[in-house]
Amino acid sequence: MHPSHKASVAVSTDPSEEIWKAIRRAAKTDDDTAARERLAAGFPIYYSEDDTPDGLVIKRHPCGRRELVRCDPAGDQVIRVL
C-alpha cells in the first residue's frame, strides 16, 4: 500500500469484523511490498484514501484500473469506476 493511503476499511455489519481490524492494524506498518507483489502476480489490491467514503474501498487491478467498491461476501459491488 502506498504510504499516503490510509488503511482503514469500514465494514458495518460484516461478521468478520475482527479480520478487517487485523488487516487495518497490519496495513499501518506495511511498506507496500506485499501490494506490489500481489499486483505483479495478477491479483487486485484493496485500499482506502483519506477521502474514501465509509463502507467503501478502492480496488486496484493489475492493469491499473481502479474501482470504488463495497465488499460483500457474495462479491464486490462496484459503485463507480475511478
Protein backbone atom coordinates (compact mmCIF):
# COMPACT_ATOMS: atom_id res chain seq x y z
CA MET A 1 0.00 0.00 0.00
CA HIS A 2 1.27 3.43 -0.83
CA PRO A 3 2.34 5.40 2.27
CA SER A 4 -0.14 8.20 1.53
CA HIS A 5 -3.07 5.80 1.66
CA LYS A 6 -4.76 5.25 4.96
CA ALA A 7 -5.52 1.70 5.84
CA SER A 8 -9.00 1.92 7.27
CA VAL A 9 -11.85 -0.06 5.86
CA ALA A 10 -15.29 0.34 7.39
CA VAL A 11 -17.47 -2.75 7.27
CA SER A 12 -20.60 -2.16 9.30
CA THR A 13 -22.36 -5.50 9.86
CA ASP A 14 -19.78 -7.91 8.49
CA PRO A 15 -19.37 -10.87 10.87
CA SER A 16 -15.67 -10.93 10.01
CA GLU A 17 -15.06 -7.51 11.60
CA GLU A 18 -12.14 -8.94 13.58
CA ILE A 19 -10.42 -9.88 10.33
CA TRP A 20 -10.87 -6.33 9.00
CA LYS A 21 -9.44 -4.94 12.24
CA ALA A 22 -6.38 -7.18 11.87
CA ILE A 23 -5.96 -6.10 8.26
CA ARG A 24 -6.12 -2.42 9.26
CA ARG A 25 -3.52 -2.96 12.00
CA ALA A 26 -1.17 -4.79 9.63
CA ALA A 27 -1.61 -2.19 6.90
CA LYS A 28 -0.45 0.59 9.21
CA THR A 29 3.04 -0.91 9.21
CA ASP A 30 3.08 -2.10 5.58
CA ASP A 31 5.71 -0.66 3.22
CA ASP A 32 3.63 -1.62 0.11
CA THR A 33 5.92 -4.50 -0.87
CA ALA A 34 3.11 -7.04 -0.47
CA ALA A 35 0.72 -4.89 -2.53
CA ARG A 36 3.24 -4.57 -5.36
CA GLU A 37 3.91 -8.32 -5.26
CA ARG A 38 0.18 -9.08 -5.37
CA LEU A 39 -0.33 -6.80 -8.38
CA ALA A 40 2.69 -8.31 -10.14
CA ALA A 41 1.19 -11.78 -9.59
CA GLY A 42 -2.01 -10.66 -11.35
CA PHE A 43 -4.24 -10.10 -8.32
CA PRO A 44 -6.10 -6.90 -7.33
CA ILE A 45 -5.39 -4.95 -4.15
CA TYR A 46 -7.80 -3.09 -1.89
CA TYR A 47 -7.06 0.13 -0.03
CA SER A 48 -8.60 3.42 1.03
CA GLU A 49 -7.54 7.04 0.85
CA ASP A 50 -8.41 9.94 3.13
CA ASP A 51 -11.48 10.81 1.05
CA THR A 52 -12.77 7.25 0.53
CA PRO A 53 -16.39 7.12 1.76
CA ASP A 54 -17.12 4.98 4.83
CA GLY A 55 -18.01 1.41 3.97
CA LEU A 56 -16.22 1.53 0.60
CA VAL A 57 -12.70 0.74 -0.58
CA ILE A 58 -10.67 1.24 -3.73
CA LYS A 59 -9.96 -1.88 -5.74
CA ARG A 60 -6.92 -1.56 -7.99
CA HIS A 61 -6.49 -4.14 -10.71
CA PRO A 62 -3.08 -5.22 -12.07
CA CYS A 63 -3.85 -3.35 -15.33
CA GLY A 64 -4.15 -0.11 -13.31
CA ARG A 65 -7.96 0.19 -13.43
CA ARG A 66 -9.39 1.43 -10.15
CA GLU A 67 -12.92 0.99 -8.84
CA LEU A 68 -14.75 2.23 -5.78
CA VAL A 69 -16.32 -0.92 -4.33
CA ARG A 70 -18.36 -2.20 -1.44
CA CYS A 71 -17.03 -5.56 -0.23
CA ASP A 72 -19.70 -8.17 0.23
CA PRO A 73 -19.48 -11.91 0.99
CA ALA A 74 -21.29 -12.52 -2.33
CA GLY A 75 -18.71 -10.44 -4.22
CA ASP A 76 -17.57 -6.87 -4.72
CA GLN A 77 -20.24 -4.34 -5.64
CA VAL A 78 -18.74 -1.76 -7.99
CA ILE A 79 -20.04 1.67 -7.04
CA ARG A 80 -18.00 3.66 -9.57
CA VAL A 81 -15.03 3.29 -11.88
CA LEU A 82 -12.34 5.79 -10.88
